[in-house]
């Protein structure tokens, strides 16, 4: 029973640096994805192409 409690504590501890860092990375990744989606949506709404290189090649 001791090993199970230790395992649960290791993953549930909010002060665990590895878990905290991983949570921060996941939050940063989600923020970047949201900004990318927002940027693409704005470009589509304003008539721009998805990528600057493709847009300049078409003109």
PDB file of N, CA and C in Angstrom:
ATOM      1  N   UNK A   1       0.835  -1.203   0.000  1.00  0.00           N
ATOM      2  CA  UNK A   1       0.000   0.000   0.000  1.00  0.00           C
ATOM      3  C   UNK A   1       0.873   1.259   0.000  1.00  0.00           C
ATOM      4  N   UNK A   2       2.049   1.156   0.584  1.00  0.00           N
ATOM      5  CA  UNK A   2       2.934   2.318   0.656  1.00  0.00           C
ATOM      6  C   UNK A   2       3.346   2.806  -0.730  1.00  0.00           C
ATOM      7  N   UNK A   3       3.687   1.869  -1.610  1.00  0.00           N
ATOM      8  CA  UNK A   3       4.146   2.275  -2.943  1.00  0.00           C
ATOM      9  C   UNK A   3       3.026   2.973  -3.708  1.00  0.00           C
ATOM     10  N   UNK A   4       1.795   2.496  -3.553  1.00  0.00           N
ATOM     11  CA  UNK A   4       0.672   3.126  -4.246  1.00  0.00           C
ATOM     12  C   UNK A   4       0.486   4.561  -3.751  1.00  0.00           C
ATOM     13  N   UNK A   5       0.552   4.755  -2.438  1.00  0.00           N
ATOM     14  CA  UNK A   5       0.386   6.095  -1.875  1.00  0.00           C
ATOM     15  C   UNK A   5       1.521   7.007  -2.345  1.00  0.00           C
ATOM     16  N   UNK A   6       2.726   6.477  -2.400  1.00  0.00           N
ATOM     17  CA  UNK A   6       3.868   7.269  -2.858  1.00  0.00           C
ATOM     18  C   UNK A   6       3.686   7.652  -4.318  1.00  0.00           C
ATOM     19  N   UNK A   7       3.224   6.714  -5.136  1.00  0.00           N
ATOM     20  CA  UNK A   7       3.021   6.981  -6.566  1.00  0.00           C
ATOM     21  C   UNK A   7       1.961   8.062  -6.768  1.00  0.00           C
ATOM     22  N   UNK A   8       0.861   7.945  -6.012  1.00  0.00           N
ATOM     23  CA  UNK A   8      -0.212   8.936  -6.130  1.00  0.00           C
ATOM     24  C   UNK A   8       0.286  10.301  -5.672  1.00  0.00           C
ATOM     25  N   UNK A   9       1.005  10.340  -4.559  1.00  0.00           N
ATOM     26  CA  UNK A   9       1.529  11.608  -4.048  1.00  0.00           C
ATOM     27  C   UNK A   9       2.491  12.246  -5.047  1.00  0.00           C
ATOM     28  N   UNK A  10       3.307  11.429  -5.682  1.00  0.00           N
ATOM     29  CA  UNK A  10       4.299  11.959  -6.618  1.00  0.00           C
ATOM     30  C   UNK A  10       3.627  12.654  -7.794  1.00  0.00           C
ATOM     31  N   UNK A  11       2.511  12.124  -8.255  1.00  0.00           N
ATOM     32  CA  UNK A  11       1.845  12.714  -9.413  1.00  0.00           C
ATOM     33  C   UNK A  11       0.799  13.762  -9.042  1.00  0.00           C
ATOM     34  N   UNK A  12       0.353  13.751  -7.785  1.00  0.00           N
ATOM     35  CA  UNK A  12      -0.695  14.682  -7.380  1.00  0.00           C
ATOM     36  C   UNK A  12      -0.125  15.940  -6.725  1.00  0.00           C
ATOM     37  N   UNK A  13       1.158  15.894  -6.351  1.00  0.00           N
ATOM     38  CA  UNK A  13       1.745  17.035  -5.639  1.00  0.00           C
ATOM     39  C   UNK A  13       1.848  18.245  -6.559  1.00  0.00           C
ATOM     40  N   UNK A  14       1.190  19.345  -6.212  1.00  0.00           N
ATOM     41  CA  UNK A  14       1.236  20.537  -7.062  1.00  0.00           C
ATOM     42  C   UNK A  14       2.614  21.195  -7.080  1.00  0.00           C
ATOM     43  N   UNK A  15       3.432  20.930  -6.041  1.00  0.00           N
ATOM     44  CA  UNK A  15       4.758  21.548  -5.999  1.00  0.00           C
ATOM     45  C   UNK A  15       5.800  20.716  -6.739  1.00  0.00           C
ATOM     46  N   UNK A  16       5.380  19.629  -7.379  1.00  0.00           N
ATOM     47  CA  UNK A  16       6.306  18.808  -8.151  1.00  0.00           C
ATOM     48  C   UNK A  16       6.813  19.634  -9.338  1.00  0.00           C
ATOM     49  N   UNK A  17       8.108  19.918  -9.421  1.00  0.00           N
ATOM     50  CA  UNK A  17       8.608  20.813 -10.479  1.00  0.00           C
ATOM     51  C   UNK A  17       8.395  20.279 -11.891  1.00  0.00           C
ATOM     52  N   UNK A  18       8.539  18.973 -12.077  1.00  0.00           N
ATOM     53  CA  UNK A  18       8.365  18.410 -13.420  1.00  0.00           C
ATOM     54  C   UNK A  18       6.921  18.558 -13.871  1.00  0.00           C
ATOM     55  N   UNK A  19       6.003  18.244 -12.992  1.00  0.00           N
ATOM     56  CA  UNK A  19       4.582  18.360 -13.336  1.00  0.00           C
ATOM     57  C   UNK A  19       4.200  19.825 -13.565  1.00  0.00           C
ATOM     58  N   UNK A  20       4.717  20.707 -12.742  1.00  0.00           N
ATOM     59  CA  UNK A  20       4.413  22.133 -12.896  1.00  0.00           C
ATOM     60  C   UNK A  20       4.958  22.651 -14.221  1.00  0.00           C
ATOM     61  N   UNK A  21       6.175  22.240 -14.572  1.00  0.00           N
ATOM     62  CA  UNK A  21       6.774  22.685 -15.833  1.00  0.00           C
ATOM     63  C   UNK A  21       5.990  22.136 -17.014  1.00  0.00           C
ATOM     64  N   UNK A  22       5.577  20.893 -16.920  1.00  0.00           N
ATOM     65  CA  UNK A  22       4.810  20.300 -18.010  1.00  0.00           C
ATOM     66  C   UNK A  22       3.472  21.018 -18.179  1.00  0.00           C
ATOM     67  N   UNK A  23       2.839  21.344 -17.077  1.00  0.00           N
ATOM     68  CA  UNK A  23       1.581  22.077 -17.144  1.00  0.00           C
ATOM     69  C   UNK A  23       1.773  23.447 -17.782  1.00  0.00           C
ATOM     70  N   UNK A  24       2.885  24.097 -17.459  1.00  0.00           N
ATOM     71  CA  UNK A  24       3.173  25.412 -18.042  1.00  0.00           C
ATOM     72  C   UNK A  24       3.426  25.280 -19.538  1.00  0.00           C
ATOM     73  N   UNK A  25       4.137  24.240 -19.944  1.00  0.00           N
ATOM     74  CA  UNK A  25       4.404  24.032 -21.368  1.00  0.00           C
ATOM     75  C   UNK A  25       3.110  23.783 -22.123  1.00  0.00           C
ATOM     76  N   UNK A  26       2.222  22.990 -21.530  1.00  0.00           N
ATOM     77  CA  UNK A  26       0.941  22.717 -22.179  1.00  0.00           C
ATOM     78  C   UNK A  26       0.117  23.997 -22.300  1.00  0.00           C
ATOM     79  N   UNK A  27       0.161  24.842 -21.284  1.00  0.00           N
ATOM     80  CA  UNK A  27      -0.575  26.107 -21.331  1.00  0.00           C
ATOM     81  C   UNK A  27       0.004  27.018 -22.414  1.00  0.00           C
ATOM     82  N   UNK A  28       1.334  27.073 -22.508  1.00  0.00           N
ATOM     83  CA  UNK A  28       1.980  27.891 -23.539  1.00  0.00           C
ATOM     84  C   UNK A  28       1.632  27.372 -24.926  1.00  0.00           C
ATOM     85  N   UNK A  29       1.641  26.053 -25.089  1.00  0.00           N
ATOM     86  CA  UNK A  29       1.326  25.447 -26.381  1.00  0.00           C
ATOM     87  C   UNK A  29      -0.104  25.787 -26.797  1.00  0.00           C
ATOM     88  N   UNK A  30      -1.024  25.716 -25.842  1.00  0.00           N
ATOM     89  CA  UNK A  30      -2.422  26.043 -26.138  1.00  0.00           C
ATOM     90  C   UNK A  30      -2.554  27.512 -26.532  1.00  0.00           C
ATOM     91  N   UNK A  31      -1.822  28.387 -25.868  1.00  0.00           N
ATOM     92  CA  UNK A  31      -1.882  29.814 -26.190  1.00  0.00           C
ATOM     93  C   UNK A  31      -1.346  30.077 -27.594  1.00  0.00           C
ATOM     94  N   UNK A  32      -0.256  29.409 -27.954  1.00  0.00           N
ATOM     95  CA  UNK A  32       0.321  29.585 -29.293  1.00  0.00           C
ATOM     96  C   UNK A  32      -0.647  29.082 -30.347  1.00  0.00           C
ATOM     97  N   UNK A  33      -1.243  27.919 -30.111  1.00  0.00           N
ATOM     98  CA  UNK A  33      -2.203  27.369 -31.069  1.00  0.00           C
ATOM     99  C   UNK A  33      -3.385  28.319 -31.245  1.00  0.00           C
ATOM    100  N   UNK A  34      -3.861  28.894 -30.152  1.00  0.00           N
ATOM    101  CA  UNK A  34      -4.992  29.819 -30.216  1.00  0.00           C
ATOM    102  C   UNK A  34      -4.617  31.050 -31.041  1.00  0.00           C
ATOM    103  N   UNK A  35      -3.408  31.577 -30.838  1.00  0.00           N
ATOM    104  CA  UNK A  35      -2.969  32.755 -31.597  1.00  0.00           C
ATOM    105  C   UNK A  35      -2.840  32.426 -33.079  1.00  0.00           C
ATOM    106  N   UNK A  36      -2.315  31.234 -33.394  1.00  0.00           N
ATOM    107  CA  UNK A  36      -2.184  30.831 -34.798  1.00  0.00           C
ATOM    108  C   UNK A  36      -3.559  30.736 -35.441  1.00  0.00           C
ATOM    109  N   UNK A  37      -4.510  30.138 -34.738  1.00  0.00           N
ATOM    110  CA  UNK A  37      -5.860  29.987 -35.287  1.00  0.00           C
ATOM    111  C   UNK A  37      -6.500  31.360 -35.492  1.00  0.00           C
ATOM    112  N   UNK A  38      -6.309  32.229 -34.505  1.00  0.00           N
ATOM    113  CA  UNK A  38      -6.871  33.576 -34.577  1.00  0.00           C
ATOM    114  C   UNK A  38      -6.268  34.335 -35.767  1.00  0.00           C
ATOM    115  N   UNK A  39      -4.964  34.191 -35.960  1.00  0.00           N
ATOM    116  CA  UNK A  39      -4.281  34.874 -37.059  1.00  0.00           C
ATOM    117  C   UNK A  39      -4.804  34.372 -38.405  1.00  0.00           C
ATOM    118  N   UNK A  40      -4.937  33.057 -38.553  1.00  0.00           N
ATOM    119  CA  UNK A  40      -5.439  32.495 -39.806  1.00  0.00           C
ATOM    120  C   UNK A  40      -6.859  32.968 -40.081  1.00  0.00           C
ATOM    121  N   UNK A  41      -7.692  32.977 -39.042  1.00  0.00           N
ATOM    122  CA  UNK A  41      -9.080  33.395 -39.214  1.00  0.00           C
ATOM    123  C   UNK A  41      -9.132  34.854 -39.644  1.00  0.00           C
ATOM    124  N   UNK A  42      -8.288  35.685 -39.034  1.00  0.00           N
ATOM    125  CA  UNK A  42      -8.260  37.107 -39.390  1.00  0.00           C
ATOM    126  C   UNK A  42      -7.800  37.284 -40.832  1.00  0.00           C
ATOM    127  N   UNK A  43      -6.784  36.534 -41.241  1.00  0.00           N
ATOM    128  CA  UNK A  43      -6.282  36.638 -42.616  1.00  0.00           C
ATOM    129  C   UNK A  43      -7.357  36.217 -43.611  1.00  0.00           C
ATOM    130  N   UNK A  44      -8.089  35.164 -43.284  1.00  0.00           N
ATOM    131  CA  UNK A  44      -9.155  34.697 -44.183  1.00  0.00           C
ATOM    132  C   UNK A  44     -10.245  35.759 -44.294  1.00  0.00           C
ATOM    133  N   UNK A  45     -10.574  36.382 -43.169  1.00  0.00           N
ATOM    134  CA  UNK A  45     -11.640  37.385 -43.167  1.00  0.00           C
ATOM    135  C   UNK A  45     -11.228  38.622 -43.969  1.00  0.00           C
ATOM    136  N   UNK A  46      -9.947  38.951 -43.949  1.00  0.00           N
ATOM    137  CA  UNK A  46      -9.490  40.154 -44.645  1.00  0.00           C
ATOM    138  C   UNK A  46      -9.062  39.851 -46.080  1.00  0.00           C
ATOM    139  N   UNK A  47      -9.175  38.606 -46.508  1.00  0.00           N
ATOM    140  CA  UNK A  47      -8.868  38.255 -47.886  1.00  0.00           C
ATOM    141  C   UNK A  47      -7.415  37.920 -48.136  1.00  0.00           C
ATOM    142  N   UNK A  48      -6.607  37.826 -47.092  1.00  0.00           N
ATOM    143  CA  UNK A  48      -5.208  37.465 -47.283  1.00  0.00           C
ATOM    144  C   UNK A  48      -5.059  35.966 -47.449  1.00  0.00           C
ATOM    145  N   UNK A  49      -3.927  35.540 -47.956  1.00  0.00           N
ATOM    146  CA  UNK A  49      -3.692  34.105 -48.104  1.00  0.00           C
ATOM    147  C   UNK A  49      -3.142  33.538 -46.805  1.00  0.00           C
ATOM    148  N   UNK A  50      -3.151  32.217 -46.693  1.00  0.00           N
ATOM    149  CA  UNK A  50      -2.680  31.586 -45.465  1.00  0.00           C
ATOM    150  C   UNK A  50      -1.205  31.821 -45.218  1.00  0.00           C
ATOM    151  N   UNK A  51      -0.403  31.909 -46.268  1.00  0.00           N
ATOM    152  CA  UNK A  51       1.027  32.126 -46.075  1.00  0.00           C
ATOM    153  C   UNK A  51       1.494  33.242 -46.990  1.00  0.00           C
ATOM    154  N   UNK A  52       2.395  34.066 -46.491  1.00  0.00           N
ATOM    155  CA  UNK A  52       2.861  35.217 -47.261  1.00  0.00           C
ATOM    156  C   UNK A  52       3.560  34.817 -48.542  1.00  0.00           C
ATOM    157  N   UNK A  53       4.303  33.720 -48.503  1.00  0.00           N
ATOM    158  CA  UNK A  53       5.056  33.294 -49.680  1.00  0.00           C
ATOM    159  C   UNK A  53       4.106  32.897 -50.806  1.00  0.00           C
ATOM    160  N   UNK A  54       3.071  32.125 -50.463  1.00  0.00           N
ATOM    161  CA  UNK A  54       2.107  31.704 -51.486  1.00  0.00           C
ATOM    162  C   UNK A  54       1.349  32.915 -52.026  1.00  0.00           C
ATOM    163  N   UNK A  55       1.051  33.862 -51.148  1.00  0.00           N
ATOM    164  CA  UNK A  55       0.323  35.051 -51.582  1.00  0.00           C
ATOM    165  C   UNK A  55       1.132  35.882 -52.563  1.00  0.00           C
ATOM    166  N   UNK A  56       2.432  36.022 -52.305  1.00  0.00           N
ATOM    167  CA  UNK A  56       3.259  36.840 -53.191  1.00  0.00           C
ATOM    168  C   UNK A  56       3.509  36.113 -54.512  1.00  0.00           C
ATOM    169  N   UNK A  57       3.532  34.788 -54.498  1.00  0.00           N
ATOM    170  CA  UNK A  57       3.775  34.032 -55.729  1.00  0.00           C
ATOM    171  C   UNK A  57       2.568  34.110 -56.659  1.00  0.00           C
ATOM    172  N   UNK A  58       1.378  34.224 -56.082  1.00  0.00           N
ATOM    173  CA  UNK A  58       0.172  34.255 -56.914  1.00  0.00           C
ATOM    174  C   UNK A  58      -0.004  35.605 -57.593  1.00  0.00           C
ATOM    175  N   UNK A  59       0.536  36.648 -57.015  1.00  0.00           N
ATOM    176  CA  UNK A  59       0.329  37.990 -57.578  1.00  0.00           C
ATOM    177  C   UNK A  59       1.241  38.282 -58.741  1.00  0.00           C
TER     178      UNK A  59
END
